[in-house]
Amino acid sequence: MRRIKARVKTTADPLAFSRRVLSVVRRIPPGRVASYGEVATLAGKPRAARAVGNIMRGCGRPDVPCHRVIAAGGRLGGYGGSELLKRSLLVAEGIVVSGSRVRDLDRVRWRPNRRKT
């Protein structure tokens, strides 16, 4: 039996993914956080947490609350090189941060409403 190789479309639009990520992050309400992996999943690429981090690092838009995106397990992760600024913004929204972790993660984790289809 002869195997047929499937061709995978590799010309995905990286800007489309970036737009979806920014759209997801804009929906995170004050006082809530989501992990890079959760944002990646909601943007349609569950294995792209690192890409989300890169998008957040390069995003300087005031309409995108990048500080609400954290690393797995509640770690703050980066924020354009200023973890102190990220911590301050989260605390100002009522999120308890101890050391470099968000406390009560289950309470402050953003869980968007799933649409029923």
N, C-alpha and C. Protein backbone atom coordinates (compact mmCIF):
# COMPACT_ATOMS: atom_id res chain seq x y z
N MET A 1 0.84 -1.17 0.00
CA MET A 1 0.00 0.00 0.00
C MET A 1 0.89 1.24 0.00
N ARG A 2 0.56 2.16 -0.82
CA ARG A 2 1.33 3.39 -0.95
C ARG A 2 0.76 4.47 -0.05
N ARG A 3 1.62 5.14 0.70
CA ARG A 3 1.17 6.21 1.59
C ARG A 3 1.11 7.53 0.84
N ILE A 4 0.09 8.26 1.14
CA ILE A 4 -0.07 9.59 0.54
C ILE A 4 0.19 10.61 1.64
N LYS A 5 1.10 11.53 1.37
CA LYS A 5 1.39 12.57 2.35
C LYS A 5 0.36 13.68 2.22
N ALA A 6 -0.19 14.05 3.34
CA ALA A 6 -1.15 15.15 3.35
C ALA A 6 -0.38 16.46 3.39
N ARG A 7 -0.84 17.40 2.62
CA ARG A 7 -0.21 18.72 2.64
C ARG A 7 -0.91 19.57 3.68
N VAL A 8 -0.11 20.15 4.51
CA VAL A 8 -0.64 21.01 5.56
C VAL A 8 -0.40 22.46 5.14
N LYS A 9 -1.44 23.23 5.24
CA LYS A 9 -1.32 24.63 4.87
C LYS A 9 -0.48 25.33 5.94
N THR A 10 0.67 25.87 5.55
CA THR A 10 1.57 26.49 6.51
C THR A 10 1.61 28.01 6.37
N THR A 11 0.76 28.54 5.57
CA THR A 11 0.78 29.99 5.35
C THR A 11 -0.29 30.67 6.20
N ALA A 12 -0.39 30.25 7.46
CA ALA A 12 -1.36 30.87 8.36
C ALA A 12 -0.99 32.33 8.56
N ASP A 13 -1.99 33.15 8.72
CA ASP A 13 -1.79 34.58 8.89
C ASP A 13 -1.45 34.89 10.34
N PRO A 14 -0.18 35.21 10.66
CA PRO A 14 0.17 35.48 12.05
C PRO A 14 -0.54 36.73 12.58
N LEU A 15 -0.86 37.66 11.73
CA LEU A 15 -1.56 38.86 12.18
C LEU A 15 -2.98 38.53 12.62
N ALA A 16 -3.59 37.54 11.98
CA ALA A 16 -4.94 37.13 12.37
C ALA A 16 -4.92 36.57 13.79
N PHE A 17 -3.91 35.76 14.11
CA PHE A 17 -3.81 35.22 15.46
C PHE A 17 -3.56 36.35 16.46
N SER A 18 -2.70 37.28 16.11
CA SER A 18 -2.44 38.43 17.00
C SER A 18 -3.72 39.22 17.26
N ARG A 19 -4.49 39.43 16.23
CA ARG A 19 -5.76 40.16 16.40
C ARG A 19 -6.71 39.40 17.31
N ARG A 20 -6.76 38.07 17.16
CA ARG A 20 -7.63 37.27 18.03
C ARG A 20 -7.15 37.33 19.48
N VAL A 21 -5.83 37.27 19.68
CA VAL A 21 -5.27 37.35 21.04
C VAL A 21 -5.64 38.69 21.67
N LEU A 22 -5.43 39.78 20.95
CA LEU A 22 -5.74 41.10 21.50
C LEU A 22 -7.22 41.24 21.80
N SER A 23 -8.05 40.65 20.95
CA SER A 23 -9.50 40.68 21.18
C SER A 23 -9.87 39.93 22.46
N VAL A 24 -9.25 38.78 22.67
CA VAL A 24 -9.51 37.99 23.89
C VAL A 24 -9.07 38.77 25.12
N VAL A 25 -7.87 39.35 25.07
CA VAL A 25 -7.33 40.05 26.23
C VAL A 25 -8.17 41.28 26.57
N ARG A 26 -8.69 41.96 25.56
CA ARG A 26 -9.56 43.12 25.81
C ARG A 26 -10.81 42.74 26.59
N ARG A 27 -11.24 41.48 26.49
CA ARG A 27 -12.46 41.03 27.17
C ARG A 27 -12.23 40.65 28.63
N ILE A 28 -10.98 40.55 29.08
CA ILE A 28 -10.71 40.19 30.47
C ILE A 28 -11.09 41.39 31.33
N PRO A 29 -12.05 41.22 32.23
CA PRO A 29 -12.51 42.36 33.04
C PRO A 29 -11.54 42.73 34.15
N PRO A 30 -11.63 43.95 34.65
CA PRO A 30 -10.79 44.35 35.78
C PRO A 30 -11.02 43.40 36.96
N GLY A 31 -9.93 43.08 37.66
CA GLY A 31 -10.03 42.19 38.81
C GLY A 31 -9.99 40.72 38.45
N ARG A 32 -9.76 40.41 37.19
CA ARG A 32 -9.67 39.03 36.72
C ARG A 32 -8.37 38.85 35.94
N VAL A 33 -7.90 37.60 35.86
CA VAL A 33 -6.69 37.28 35.11
C VAL A 33 -6.92 36.02 34.28
N ALA A 34 -6.09 35.85 33.27
CA ALA A 34 -6.08 34.63 32.46
C ALA A 34 -4.63 34.30 32.17
N SER A 35 -4.33 33.02 32.01
CA SER A 35 -2.95 32.63 31.72
C SER A 35 -2.69 32.75 30.22
N TYR A 36 -1.39 32.78 29.88
CA TYR A 36 -1.01 32.83 28.48
C TYR A 36 -1.62 31.65 27.72
N GLY A 37 -1.62 30.49 28.33
CA GLY A 37 -2.19 29.29 27.71
C GLY A 37 -3.69 29.38 27.52
N GLU A 38 -4.38 29.95 28.51
CA GLU A 38 -5.83 30.11 28.39
C GLU A 38 -6.17 31.09 27.27
N VAL A 39 -5.41 32.17 27.16
CA VAL A 39 -5.63 33.14 26.09
C VAL A 39 -5.37 32.48 24.74
N ALA A 40 -4.30 31.69 24.66
CA ALA A 40 -3.99 30.99 23.40
C ALA A 40 -5.13 30.07 22.99
N THR A 41 -5.67 29.33 23.95
CA THR A 41 -6.78 28.42 23.66
C THR A 41 -7.99 29.20 23.17
N LEU A 42 -8.33 30.28 23.86
CA LEU A 42 -9.49 31.08 23.46
C LEU A 42 -9.29 31.75 22.10
N ALA A 43 -8.02 31.98 21.73
CA ALA A 43 -7.72 32.59 20.43
C ALA A 43 -7.61 31.54 19.32
N GLY A 44 -7.79 30.26 19.68
CA GLY A 44 -7.83 29.22 18.67
C GLY A 44 -6.56 28.41 18.48
N LYS A 45 -5.53 28.65 19.29
CA LYS A 45 -4.29 27.88 19.18
C LYS A 45 -3.83 27.47 20.57
N PRO A 46 -4.35 26.35 21.07
CA PRO A 46 -4.08 25.95 22.45
C PRO A 46 -2.62 25.71 22.79
N ARG A 47 -1.77 25.50 21.81
CA ARG A 47 -0.36 25.24 22.10
C ARG A 47 0.52 26.47 21.87
N ALA A 48 -0.07 27.63 21.81
CA ALA A 48 0.67 28.84 21.46
C ALA A 48 0.83 29.82 22.62
N ALA A 49 1.00 29.30 23.83
CA ALA A 49 1.14 30.18 25.00
C ALA A 49 2.35 31.10 24.85
N ARG A 50 3.44 30.57 24.36
CA ARG A 50 4.65 31.39 24.19
C ARG A 50 4.41 32.50 23.17
N ALA A 51 3.68 32.21 22.12
CA ALA A 51 3.36 33.24 21.13
C ALA A 51 2.52 34.34 21.76
N VAL A 52 1.60 33.96 22.64
CA VAL A 52 0.79 34.97 23.34
C VAL A 52 1.70 35.86 24.18
N GLY A 53 2.67 35.26 24.86
CA GLY A 53 3.63 36.04 25.64
C GLY A 53 4.39 37.03 24.79
N ASN A 54 4.79 36.60 23.60
CA ASN A 54 5.50 37.50 22.70
C ASN A 54 4.60 38.63 22.21
N ILE A 55 3.35 38.32 21.95
CA ILE A 55 2.40 39.35 21.52
C ILE A 55 2.19 40.36 22.65
N MET A 56 2.05 39.85 23.88
CA MET A 56 1.86 40.74 25.03
C MET A 56 3.08 41.62 25.24
N ARG A 57 4.27 41.05 25.08
CA ARG A 57 5.50 41.80 25.29
C ARG A 57 5.62 42.96 24.30
N GLY A 58 5.17 42.74 23.07
CA GLY A 58 5.30 43.77 22.05
C GLY A 58 4.11 44.71 21.96
N CYS A 59 3.11 44.48 22.78
CA CYS A 59 1.90 45.29 22.71
C CYS A 59 2.00 46.48 23.64
N GLY A 60 1.97 47.65 23.09
CA GLY A 60 2.01 48.85 23.91
C GLY A 60 0.71 49.62 23.83
N ARG A 61 -0.33 48.93 23.45
CA ARG A 61 -1.62 49.61 23.25
C ARG A 61 -2.33 49.83 24.58
N PRO A 62 -2.79 51.04 24.82
CA PRO A 62 -3.48 51.32 26.09
C PRO A 62 -4.85 50.67 26.21
N ASP A 63 -5.42 50.22 25.09
CA ASP A 63 -6.75 49.59 25.15
C ASP A 63 -6.67 48.09 25.39
N VAL A 64 -5.47 47.56 25.58
CA VAL A 64 -5.29 46.12 25.80
C VAL A 64 -4.67 45.93 27.19
N PRO A 65 -5.42 45.34 28.14
CA PRO A 65 -4.92 45.18 29.50
C PRO A 65 -3.97 43.98 29.63
N CYS A 66 -2.79 44.11 29.05
CA CYS A 66 -1.82 43.01 29.04
C CYS A 66 -1.44 42.55 30.44
N HIS A 67 -1.54 43.43 31.42
CA HIS A 67 -1.16 43.06 32.79
C HIS A 67 -2.06 41.98 33.38
N ARG A 68 -3.22 41.75 32.76
CA ARG A 68 -4.15 40.73 33.26
C ARG A 68 -3.83 39.34 32.73
N VAL A 69 -2.79 39.21 31.93
CA VAL A 69 -2.38 37.91 31.41
C VAL A 69 -1.15 37.47 32.20
N ILE A 70 -1.27 36.31 32.84
CA ILE A 70 -0.22 35.82 33.73
C ILE A 70 0.27 34.45 33.27
N ALA A 71 1.34 34.01 33.88
CA ALA A 71 1.89 32.69 33.56
C ALA A 71 1.09 31.60 34.28
N ALA A 72 1.40 30.36 33.94
CA ALA A 72 0.69 29.23 34.53
C ALA A 72 0.90 29.18 36.03
N GLY A 73 -0.09 28.70 36.75
CA GLY A 73 0.01 28.52 38.18
C GLY A 73 -0.04 29.81 38.98
N GLY A 74 -0.38 30.91 38.33
CA GLY A 74 -0.52 32.16 39.04
C GLY A 74 0.73 33.03 39.07
N ARG A 75 1.81 32.57 38.46
CA ARG A 75 3.03 33.40 38.42
C ARG A 75 2.76 34.64 37.56
N LEU A 76 3.38 35.74 37.94
CA LEU A 76 3.12 36.98 37.22
C LEU A 76 3.64 36.96 35.79
N GLY A 77 4.76 36.33 35.55
CA GLY A 77 5.33 36.37 34.22
C GLY A 77 5.92 37.75 33.98
N GLY A 78 6.20 38.07 32.77
CA GLY A 78 6.81 39.36 32.46
C GLY A 78 5.77 40.43 32.17
N TYR A 79 6.25 41.62 32.06
CA TYR A 79 5.38 42.74 31.66
C TYR A 79 6.28 43.81 31.08
N GLY A 80 6.80 43.52 29.91
CA GLY A 80 7.70 44.47 29.28
C GLY A 80 8.91 44.78 30.14
N GLY A 81 9.30 43.81 30.98
CA GLY A 81 10.47 43.99 31.80
C GLY A 81 10.19 44.58 33.18
N SER A 82 8.95 44.93 33.48
CA SER A 82 8.66 45.53 34.78
C SER A 82 7.60 44.72 35.53
N GLU A 83 8.07 43.73 36.27
CA GLU A 83 7.15 42.93 37.08
C GLU A 83 6.51 43.79 38.18
N LEU A 84 7.25 44.78 38.66
CA LEU A 84 6.73 45.67 39.69
C LEU A 84 5.51 46.45 39.19
N LEU A 85 5.59 46.92 37.94
CA LEU A 85 4.45 47.64 37.36
C LEU A 85 3.25 46.72 37.19
N LYS A 86 3.50 45.51 36.71
CA LYS A 86 2.41 44.54 36.53
C LYS A 86 1.75 44.25 37.88
N ARG A 87 2.57 44.02 38.90
CA ARG A 87 2.06 43.76 40.24
C ARG A 87 1.21 44.93 40.72
N SER A 88 1.70 46.15 40.53
CA SER A 88 0.98 47.35 40.98
C SER A 88 -0.37 47.49 40.29
N LEU A 89 -0.41 47.23 38.99
CA LEU A 89 -1.67 47.33 38.25
C LEU A 89 -2.68 46.29 38.72
N LEU A 90 -2.21 45.07 38.97
CA LEU A 90 -3.11 44.02 39.44
C LEU A 90 -3.62 44.33 40.85
N VAL A 91 -2.75 44.79 41.72
CA VAL A 91 -3.15 45.13 43.09
C VAL A 91 -4.17 46.27 43.06
N ALA A 92 -3.98 47.24 42.17
CA ALA A 92 -4.92 48.35 42.05
C ALA A 92 -6.30 47.88 41.63
N GLU A 93 -6.38 46.71 40.98
CA GLU A 93 -7.66 46.14 40.57
C GLU A 93 -8.23 45.19 41.64
N GLY A 94 -7.55 45.09 42.78
CA GLY A 94 -8.06 44.27 43.87
C GLY A 94 -7.55 42.84 43.89
N ILE A 95 -6.59 42.52 43.05
CA ILE A 95 -6.02 41.18 43.01
C ILE A 95 -4.89 41.10 44.03
N VAL A 96 -4.91 40.06 44.85
CA VAL A 96 -3.89 39.88 45.88
C VAL A 96 -2.69 39.19 45.24
N VAL A 97 -1.53 39.83 45.37
CA VAL A 97 -0.28 39.28 44.83
C VAL A 97 0.67 39.11 46.00
N SER A 98 1.24 37.92 46.13
CA SER A 98 2.20 37.63 47.18
C SER A 98 3.45 37.08 46.52
N GLY A 99 4.57 37.76 46.76
CA GLY A 99 5.79 37.38 46.05
C GLY A 99 5.59 37.67 44.58
N SER A 100 5.74 36.66 43.77
CA SER A 100 5.51 36.84 42.33
C SER A 100 4.36 35.96 41.84
N ARG A 101 3.38 35.75 42.73
CA ARG A 101 2.23 34.92 42.38
C ARG A 101 0.92 35.60 42.75
N VAL A 102 -0.08 35.35 41.93
CA VAL A 102 -1.44 35.80 42.24
C VAL A 102 -2.03 34.81 43.23
N ARG A 103 -2.56 35.31 44.32
CA ARG A 103 -3.19 34.46 45.33
C ARG A 103 -4.67 34.29 45.00
N ASP A 104 -5.26 33.24 45.50
CA ASP A 104 -6.68 32.93 45.23
C ASP A 104 -6.95 32.90 43.73
N LEU A 105 -6.08 32.22 43.02
CA LEU A 105 -6.18 32.18 41.56
C LEU A 105 -7.54 31.68 41.09
N ASP A 106 -8.08 30.68 41.75
CA ASP A 106 -9.38 30.16 41.32
C ASP A 106 -10.48 31.21 41.44
N ARG A 107 -10.34 32.10 42.39
CA ARG A 107 -11.35 33.15 42.58
C ARG A 107 -11.24 34.26 41.52
N VAL A 108 -10.02 34.57 41.10
CA VAL A 108 -9.83 35.70 40.17
C VAL A 108 -9.60 35.27 38.73
N ARG A 109 -9.53 33.97 38.49
CA ARG A 109 -9.34 33.50 37.11
C ARG A 109 -10.58 33.83 36.28
N TRP A 110 -10.34 34.40 35.10
CA TRP A 110 -11.43 34.77 34.21
C TRP A 110 -11.91 33.53 33.47
N ARG A 111 -13.19 33.29 33.55
CA ARG A 111 -13.81 32.18 32.84
C ARG A 111 -14.90 32.77 31.95
N PRO A 112 -14.58 33.00 30.69
CA PRO A 112 -15.59 33.61 29.81
C PRO A 112 -16.77 32.68 29.61
N ASN A 113 -17.90 33.28 29.39
CA ASN A 113 -19.11 32.48 29.11
C ASN A 113 -18.92 31.74 27.81
N ARG A 114 -19.20 30.48 27.85
CA ARG A 114 -19.14 29.66 26.63
C ARG A 114 -20.46 29.78 25.91
N ARG A 115 -20.38 30.00 24.62
CA ARG A 115 -21.62 30.07 23.83
C ARG A 115 -22.07 28.66 23.53
N LYS A 116 -23.36 28.44 23.69
CA LYS A 116 -23.92 27.12 23.36
C LYS A 116 -24.30 27.11 21.90
N THR A 117 -23.88 26.04 21.23
CA THR A 117 -24.21 25.93 19.80
C THR A 117 -25.11 24.78 19.53
